[in-house]
Protein backbone atom coordinates (compact mmCIF):
# COMPACT_ATOMS: atom_id res chain seq x y z
CA MET A 1 25.05 23.05 -115.04
CA VAL A 2 23.81 26.44 -113.83
CA ASN A 3 25.26 28.96 -111.44
CA ASN A 4 24.19 27.81 -107.98
CA ALA A 5 24.19 31.40 -106.77
CA ASN A 6 21.10 32.02 -108.91
CA VAL A 7 19.16 29.04 -107.48
CA PRO A 8 17.18 29.38 -104.23
CA ASP A 9 18.88 27.11 -101.69
CA LYS A 10 18.05 26.95 -97.99
CA GLY A 11 20.42 24.04 -97.36
CA PRO A 12 23.33 26.13 -95.96
CA ALA A 13 20.97 27.66 -93.38
CA PHE A 14 19.99 24.18 -92.20
CA MET A 15 23.61 23.13 -91.81
CA ALA A 16 24.50 26.28 -89.89
CA VAL A 17 21.57 26.13 -87.45
CA THR A 18 21.80 22.40 -86.76
CA GLY A 19 25.60 22.56 -86.50
CA VAL A 20 25.45 25.24 -83.79
CA LEU A 21 22.67 23.55 -81.83
CA ALA A 22 24.26 20.11 -82.05
CA GLY A 23 27.56 21.60 -80.88
CA ILE A 24 25.89 23.23 -77.85
CA ALA A 25 24.03 20.00 -77.03
CA PHE A 26 27.23 17.96 -77.31
CA LEU A 27 29.15 20.28 -74.95
CA LEU A 28 26.33 20.20 -72.39
CA VAL A 29 26.14 16.40 -72.47
CA VAL A 30 29.91 16.13 -72.01
CA TYR A 31 29.73 18.60 -69.11
CA ARG A 32 26.87 16.64 -67.54
CA LEU A 33 28.86 13.40 -67.67
CA ILE A 34 32.04 15.03 -66.30
CA HIS A 35 30.02 16.82 -63.63
CA GLY A 36 28.35 13.58 -62.54
CA TRP A 37 31.57 11.63 -62.38
CA THR A 38 33.53 14.41 -60.66
CA PHE A 39 31.03 15.36 -57.96
CA ARG A 40 28.83 12.27 -57.55
CA LYS A 41 31.43 9.67 -58.51
CA ALA A 42 28.68 7.94 -60.48
CA ILE A 43 26.97 8.01 -63.87
CA TYR A 44 23.26 7.22 -63.60
CA THR A 45 20.77 5.79 -66.07
CA ASP A 46 19.45 9.22 -67.07
CA ASP A 47 23.01 10.35 -67.87
CA ILE A 48 23.64 7.28 -70.03
CA LEU A 49 20.35 7.76 -71.89
CA ILE A 50 21.04 11.39 -72.71
CA ALA A 51 24.54 10.43 -73.89
CA CYS A 52 23.01 7.78 -76.17
CA SER A 53 20.52 10.37 -77.42
CA MET A 54 23.41 12.70 -78.28
CA CYS A 55 25.21 9.94 -80.20
CA VAL A 56 22.11 9.25 -82.28
CA GLN A 57 21.59 12.98 -82.74
CA ILE A 58 25.04 13.30 -84.29
CA ILE A 59 23.98 10.68 -86.85
CA THR A 60 20.67 12.52 -87.34
CA THR A 61 22.48 15.81 -87.95
CA VAL A 62 24.78 14.21 -90.53
CA THR A 63 21.87 12.60 -92.42
CA GLY A 64 19.98 15.91 -92.39
CA ASP A 65 23.03 17.73 -93.75
CA LEU A 66 23.44 15.11 -96.49
CA ALA A 67 19.75 15.44 -97.41
CA ASN A 68 20.32 19.17 -97.85
CA HIS A 69 23.57 18.62 -99.74
CA TYR A 70 21.81 16.46 -102.31
CA GLY A 71 18.71 18.57 -102.77
CA PHE A 72 16.64 19.54 -99.72
CA GLY A 73 16.14 23.27 -99.49
CA ARG A 74 16.01 23.54 -103.30
CA HIS A 75 13.07 23.21 -105.67
CA LYS A 76 12.78 19.76 -107.18
CA ALA A 77 13.23 21.17 -110.68
CA ASP A 78 16.58 22.75 -109.69
CA ILE A 79 18.19 19.71 -108.05
CA ALA A 80 19.58 17.86 -111.07
CA ARG A 81 20.91 20.97 -112.82
CA THR A 82 22.71 22.13 -109.65
CA GLY A 83 24.56 18.85 -109.10
CA GLY A 84 22.11 17.33 -106.63
CA HIS A 85 20.30 14.00 -106.71
CA LEU A 86 16.61 13.79 -105.82
CA VAL A 87 16.56 10.06 -105.02
CA VAL A 88 19.60 10.29 -102.73
CA ALA A 89 18.16 13.38 -101.00
CA LEU A 90 14.87 11.57 -100.30
CA LYS A 91 16.75 8.51 -99.04
CA TYR A 92 18.67 10.58 -96.50
CA PHE A 93 15.40 12.30 -95.53
CA TRP A 94 13.91 8.84 -94.85
CA LEU A 95 16.90 7.96 -92.66
CA PHE A 96 16.61 11.30 -90.87
CA GLN A 97 13.00 10.54 -89.89
CA VAL A 98 14.00 7.21 -88.33
CA PHE A 99 16.92 8.55 -86.27
CA TYR A 100 15.00 11.69 -85.28
CA LYS A 101 12.31 9.59 -83.60
CA LEU A 102 14.94 7.56 -81.74
CA VAL A 103 16.56 10.76 -80.43
CA LEU A 104 13.26 12.03 -79.04
CA CYS A 105 12.55 8.64 -77.45
CA LEU A 106 15.91 8.50 -75.65
CA THR A 107 15.59 12.11 -74.48
CA LYS A 108 12.11 11.50 -73.03
CA LEU A 109 13.38 8.37 -71.26
CA SER A 110 16.25 10.40 -69.80
CA PHE A 111 13.78 12.90 -68.32
CA LEU A 112 11.65 10.09 -66.85
CA THR A 113 14.55 8.16 -65.32
CA PHE A 114 15.80 11.44 -63.84
CA TYR A 115 12.41 11.82 -62.17
CA LEU A 116 12.65 8.26 -60.86
CA ARG A 117 16.01 9.06 -59.32
CA ILE A 118 15.02 12.17 -57.40
CA PHE A 119 11.37 11.53 -56.42
CA PRO A 120 10.82 8.64 -53.98
CA SER A 121 7.00 8.52 -54.18
CA LYS A 122 5.88 4.97 -55.00
CA ARG A 123 2.76 6.12 -56.85
CA PHE A 124 4.79 8.63 -58.84
CA HIS A 125 7.20 5.84 -59.79
CA GLN A 126 4.29 3.74 -61.04
CA ILE A 127 3.11 6.64 -63.23
CA CYS A 128 6.65 7.12 -64.56
CA TYR A 129 7.02 3.43 -65.40
CA ALA A 130 3.67 3.48 -67.18
CA THR A 131 4.78 6.55 -69.15
CA ILE A 132 8.06 4.84 -70.03
CA ALA A 133 6.10 1.87 -71.40
CA VAL A 134 3.92 4.19 -73.49
CA ILE A 135 6.98 6.02 -74.85
CA ILE A 136 8.89 2.85 -75.76
CA CYS A 137 5.92 1.07 -77.33
CA GLY A 138 4.70 4.18 -79.14
CA VAL A 139 8.06 5.15 -80.62
CA PHE A 140 8.79 1.53 -81.55
CA GLY A 141 5.54 1.44 -83.50
CA PHE A 142 6.16 4.78 -85.21
CA VAL A 143 9.74 3.82 -86.13
CA LEU A 144 8.55 0.58 -87.71
CA ALA A 145 5.85 2.50 -89.58
CA THR A 146 8.47 4.99 -90.78
CA ILE A 147 10.80 2.28 -92.03
CA PHE A 148 8.03 0.32 -93.76
CA GLN A 149 5.89 3.26 -94.85
CA CYS A 150 6.25 1.84 -98.37
CA ILE A 151 6.45 -1.76 -99.53
CA PRO A 152 8.99 -2.32 -100.94
CA VAL A 153 10.93 -0.01 -98.60
CA ALA A 154 12.80 1.60 -101.50
CA GLY A 155 9.48 3.10 -102.59
CA SER A 156 10.02 5.76 -99.90
CA TRP A 157 12.70 7.39 -102.02
CA GLU A 158 12.27 5.76 -105.43
CA LYS A 159 9.01 7.42 -106.36
CA ASN A 160 8.88 5.68 -109.73
CA LEU A 161 8.66 2.22 -108.16
CA PRO A 162 5.21 0.54 -108.09
CA ALA A 163 5.15 0.63 -104.28
CA LYS A 164 2.24 0.47 -101.85
CA CYS A 165 2.58 3.27 -99.27
CA ILE A 166 0.62 4.42 -96.22
CA ASN A 167 -1.14 7.77 -96.12
CA ASN A 168 1.94 9.83 -95.30
CA ALA A 169 0.01 12.97 -94.38
CA TRP A 170 -2.11 11.22 -91.75
CA PHE A 171 0.92 9.35 -90.43
CA ARG A 172 2.84 12.60 -89.88
CA TRP A 173 -0.13 14.19 -88.11
CA TRP A 174 -0.53 11.18 -85.80
CA TRP A 175 3.16 11.31 -84.92
CA ALA A 176 3.05 15.07 -84.31
CA GLY A 177 0.06 14.71 -81.98
CA TYR A 178 1.60 11.81 -80.06
CA ASN A 179 4.97 13.52 -79.76
CA THR A 180 3.57 16.86 -78.56
CA ALA A 181 1.17 15.24 -76.09
CA THR A 182 3.92 13.16 -74.48
CA ASP A 183 6.22 16.21 -74.32
CA ILE A 184 3.60 18.19 -72.40
CA TRP A 185 2.78 15.23 -70.15
CA ILE A 186 6.43 14.64 -69.21
CA CYS A 187 6.97 18.34 -68.54
CA LEU A 188 3.93 18.65 -66.25
CA LEU A 189 4.34 15.26 -64.55
CA PRO A 190 6.42 16.40 -61.53
CA MET A 191 4.56 19.68 -60.97
CA PRO A 192 2.01 18.36 -58.41
CA LEU A 193 4.85 16.97 -56.29
CA LEU A 194 6.81 20.21 -56.53
CA ALA A 195 3.74 22.26 -55.64
CA ARG A 196 3.44 20.34 -52.35
CA LEU A 197 7.02 21.04 -51.27
CA GLN A 198 7.07 23.02 -48.03
CA LEU A 199 9.23 25.84 -49.32
CA ASP A 200 8.74 29.59 -49.37
CA THR A 201 6.97 30.82 -52.48
CA VAL A 202 10.06 32.28 -54.20
CA ARG A 203 12.12 29.12 -53.86
CA LYS A 204 9.21 26.87 -54.81
CA VAL A 205 8.60 28.86 -58.00
CA GLY A 206 12.31 28.66 -58.77
CA VAL A 207 12.32 24.87 -58.46
CA MET A 208 9.19 24.55 -60.60
CA LEU A 209 10.68 26.82 -63.28
CA MET A 210 13.79 24.64 -63.33
CA PHE A 211 11.65 21.61 -64.12
CA ALA A 212 9.51 23.60 -66.57
CA ILE A 213 12.52 24.09 -68.87
CA GLY A 214 11.09 21.20 -70.87
CA LEU A 215 8.34 23.54 -72.08
CA PHE A 216 10.87 24.83 -74.63
CA VAL A 217 10.74 21.37 -76.20
CA CYS A 218 6.94 21.60 -76.30
CA VAL A 219 7.19 24.97 -78.05
CA THR A 220 9.50 23.63 -80.76
CA SER A 221 7.23 20.60 -81.15
CA ILE A 222 4.21 22.86 -81.67
CA VAL A 223 6.10 25.06 -84.17
CA ARG A 224 7.04 21.89 -86.05
CA ILE A 225 3.32 21.06 -86.31
CA THR A 226 2.71 24.38 -88.05
CA ALA A 227 5.50 23.53 -90.51
CA LEU A 228 3.76 20.23 -91.27
CA VAL A 229 0.83 22.05 -92.82
CA GLN A 230 2.91 22.88 -95.88
CA SER A 231 4.89 19.63 -95.78
CA VAL A 232 1.94 17.24 -96.04
CA SER A 233 0.32 19.10 -98.96
CA THR A 234 3.33 19.97 -101.09
CA THR A 235 4.11 18.45 -104.47
CA ASP A 236 7.69 19.74 -104.19
CA PRO A 237 9.02 17.69 -101.23
CA THR A 238 12.58 18.97 -101.15
CA TRP A 239 11.32 22.55 -100.89
CA GLY A 240 7.94 22.21 -99.17
CA SER A 241 9.17 19.80 -96.47
CA TRP A 242 12.30 21.78 -95.64
CA ASP A 243 10.73 23.74 -92.77
CA ALA A 244 9.49 20.52 -91.17
CA LEU A 245 12.96 19.01 -91.55
CA LEU A 246 14.58 22.06 -89.94
CA TRP A 247 12.20 22.19 -86.97
CA SER A 248 12.55 18.46 -86.44
CA ALA A 249 16.30 18.94 -86.06
CA ILE A 250 15.79 21.96 -83.78
CA GLU A 251 13.34 19.99 -81.62
CA ALA A 252 15.74 17.06 -81.21
CA ASN A 253 18.65 19.31 -80.20
CA THR A 254 16.49 21.44 -77.90
CA GLY A 255 15.33 18.36 -76.02
CA ILE A 256 18.91 17.33 -75.26
CA ILE A 257 19.87 20.88 -74.24
CA CYS A 258 16.89 21.21 -71.89
CA ALA A 259 17.67 17.84 -70.30
CA CYS A 260 21.15 19.12 -69.40
CA LEU A 261 20.35 22.69 -68.29
CA PRO A 262 19.48 21.85 -64.64
CA PHE A 263 23.04 20.60 -64.17
CA LEU A 264 24.41 24.07 -64.96
CA LYS A 265 23.27 25.47 -61.62
CA HIS A 266 26.68 25.09 -59.98
CA PRO A 267 28.83 26.76 -62.69
CA ILE A 268 26.28 29.58 -63.09
CA LYS A 269 26.36 30.10 -59.34
CA GLN A 270 30.15 30.26 -59.48
CA MET A 271 30.07 32.77 -62.35
CA PHE A 272 27.43 35.04 -60.77
CA PRO A 273 27.84 34.69 -56.98
CA ARG A 274 26.41 38.14 -56.27
CA LEU A 275 23.20 37.32 -58.12
CA PHE A 276 22.65 34.15 -56.10
CA SER A 277 23.66 35.77 -52.79
CA SER A 278 21.19 38.57 -53.46
CA PHE A 279 18.50 36.03 -54.32
CA ASP A 280 19.17 34.02 -51.15
CA SER A 281 19.20 37.21 -49.08
CA LYS A 282 15.74 38.17 -50.34
CA ILE A 283 14.43 34.73 -49.44
CA THR A 284 15.96 34.88 -45.97
CA HIS A 285 14.51 38.32 -45.20
CA SER A 286 11.09 37.52 -46.61
CA ARG A 287 10.67 34.24 -44.75
CA PRO A 288 13.51 33.13 -42.47
CA THR A 289 12.12 29.71 -41.52
CA TYR A 290 10.31 27.04 -43.47
CA LYS A 291 9.97 23.27 -43.61
CA LEU A 292 11.87 21.12 -46.03
CA SER A 293 11.55 17.45 -46.80
CA ALA A 294 14.23 15.35 -45.14
CA LEU A 295 16.79 13.46 -47.15
CA SER A 296 16.10 9.76 -47.47
CA ASN A 297 18.81 7.39 -46.29
CA ARG A 298 17.31 4.69 -48.54
CA GLY A 299 17.37 6.61 -51.82
CA HIS A 300 19.72 9.47 -51.04
CA ARG A 301 21.93 10.82 -53.82
CA SER A 302 24.65 12.84 -52.12
CA HIS A 303 25.97 15.93 -53.85
CA HIS A 304 27.94 18.51 -51.96
CA ASN A 305 27.46 21.14 -54.66
CA GLY A 306 23.71 21.37 -54.33
CA GLU A 307 22.46 19.04 -57.05
CA TRP A 308 18.95 17.60 -56.81
CA GLN A 309 18.52 15.09 -54.00
CA ASN A 310 15.83 12.57 -53.12
CA LEU A 311 12.99 13.81 -50.97
CA GLU A 312 11.25 11.93 -48.20
CA SER A 313 7.80 12.40 -46.71
CA SER A 314 9.13 13.10 -43.19
CA LYS A 315 9.67 16.79 -42.49
CA VAL A 316 12.55 18.67 -40.95
CA GLY A 317 11.35 21.90 -39.44
CA THR A 318 12.83 24.63 -37.32
CA GLY A 319 11.50 22.85 -34.28
CA SER A 320 13.30 19.55 -34.93
CA VAL A 321 16.11 18.77 -32.54
CA GLY A 322 19.43 17.28 -33.67
CA ARG A 323 22.94 16.63 -32.46
CA GLY A 324 26.24 18.10 -33.54
CA SER A 325 27.06 19.09 -37.08
CA VAL A 326 25.42 16.78 -39.62
CA GLY A 327 26.60 16.37 -43.24
CA ALA A 328 24.20 16.05 -46.13
CA GLY A 329 24.42 12.27 -46.13
CA SER A 330 24.52 11.62 -42.35
CA GLU A 331 21.85 9.96 -40.27
CA ASP A 332 19.56 12.25 -38.30
CA ALA A 333 20.78 11.99 -34.70
CA ILE A 334 18.52 13.70 -32.13
CA VAL A 335 19.67 15.29 -28.90
CA PRO A 336 18.31 18.19 -26.79
CA GLY A 337 19.98 21.53 -27.17
CA HIS A 338 20.33 21.80 -30.93
CA ILE A 339 18.10 22.76 -33.83
CA MET A 340 18.53 21.17 -37.27
CA MET A 341 18.46 23.42 -40.34
CA LYS A 342 18.53 22.54 -44.05
CA THR A 343 20.58 24.63 -46.47
CA ASP A 344 21.12 24.34 -50.20
CA ILE A 345 24.32 22.40 -49.64
CA SER A 346 24.16 20.46 -46.38
CA LEU A 347 22.32 19.81 -43.16
CA GLN A 348 23.79 21.67 -40.24
CA THR A 349 22.86 22.33 -36.62
CA GLU A 350 22.83 25.39 -34.43
CA ARG A 351 22.85 25.47 -30.67
CA ILE A 352 19.63 26.61 -28.97
CA GLU A 353 20.00 28.98 -26.07
CA GLU A 354 19.07 27.62 -22.67
CA SER A 355 16.19 30.10 -22.52
CA HIS A 356 14.37 27.94 -25.10
CA TYR A 357 14.12 25.10 -22.55
CA PRO A 358 12.38 26.49 -19.45
CA GLU A 359 12.03 22.97 -18.01
CA ARG A 360 15.82 22.87 -17.47
CA ARG A 361 15.90 25.92 -15.25
């Protein structure tokens, strides 16, 4: 046995980074569930999927930590003499690859079902359902290929077995390409709909940036591809594949975090009210009136704290006439003498002066 302090070991760094990110992701998922139940009185499919993704990610984090405990992050030649076990380390690495793919699948499905909940367009729904089918079928195929990459399966970690294995380098590149392409597609999918919203430029850009948070996942996916260059060509897997292992864990946690960030709008607004009031003031002075899509009675998701709501093709403009004071979930009742306005939180009406109706004089 040698002094471990004299052996290069990147394992502790992996445990620290993944522990922090997994902790942040877990807290955000818990907040999202509490937030949904408290304010909407409902937990939707996208919430359940991201919660399932977090549960699998906890397992993924544990298997990654165990892989590092038994040898990943150290040179293969140093593992046995530092108390590690190469076969066990490779076995946990094999498990990590399976669970990691499941995490990404569930996170992507959470994004897509979230889109289905807030966008009422029938054609958009068809595209989302087609994307869901591609994600499920693709990940199912890649997971099966990961499990049975060697026959017998134990050949994935028992390198001395006379096993027949697939070309691991090509398999990893195919998965990286598929994963990155679907990340970019899911991130850009709602942008055409958002670009057509009849909002002032500042608010429209803000909404689009909120949905573009998923680009962070694309960035980590692309960085992971660069780490694969060394991983697929190394003869020292526990050292050469460590960067790919780390960025895989970062990518999985980042996806969950990004899926939950839009739900932080309300607490951030409560923490920095002056920032939001200043932002709203600039919008009001730059363009006091604009059209907004009306809320759909058929697919409306009511949220009095300003969460995303379903949009409908009919428009509510500053020339629309309404009656009384209308809540965010009320039917649009029309009567002369009032003008309907849409705010971040609710629909309300304001009385129009008699001078606006010359026919009544």
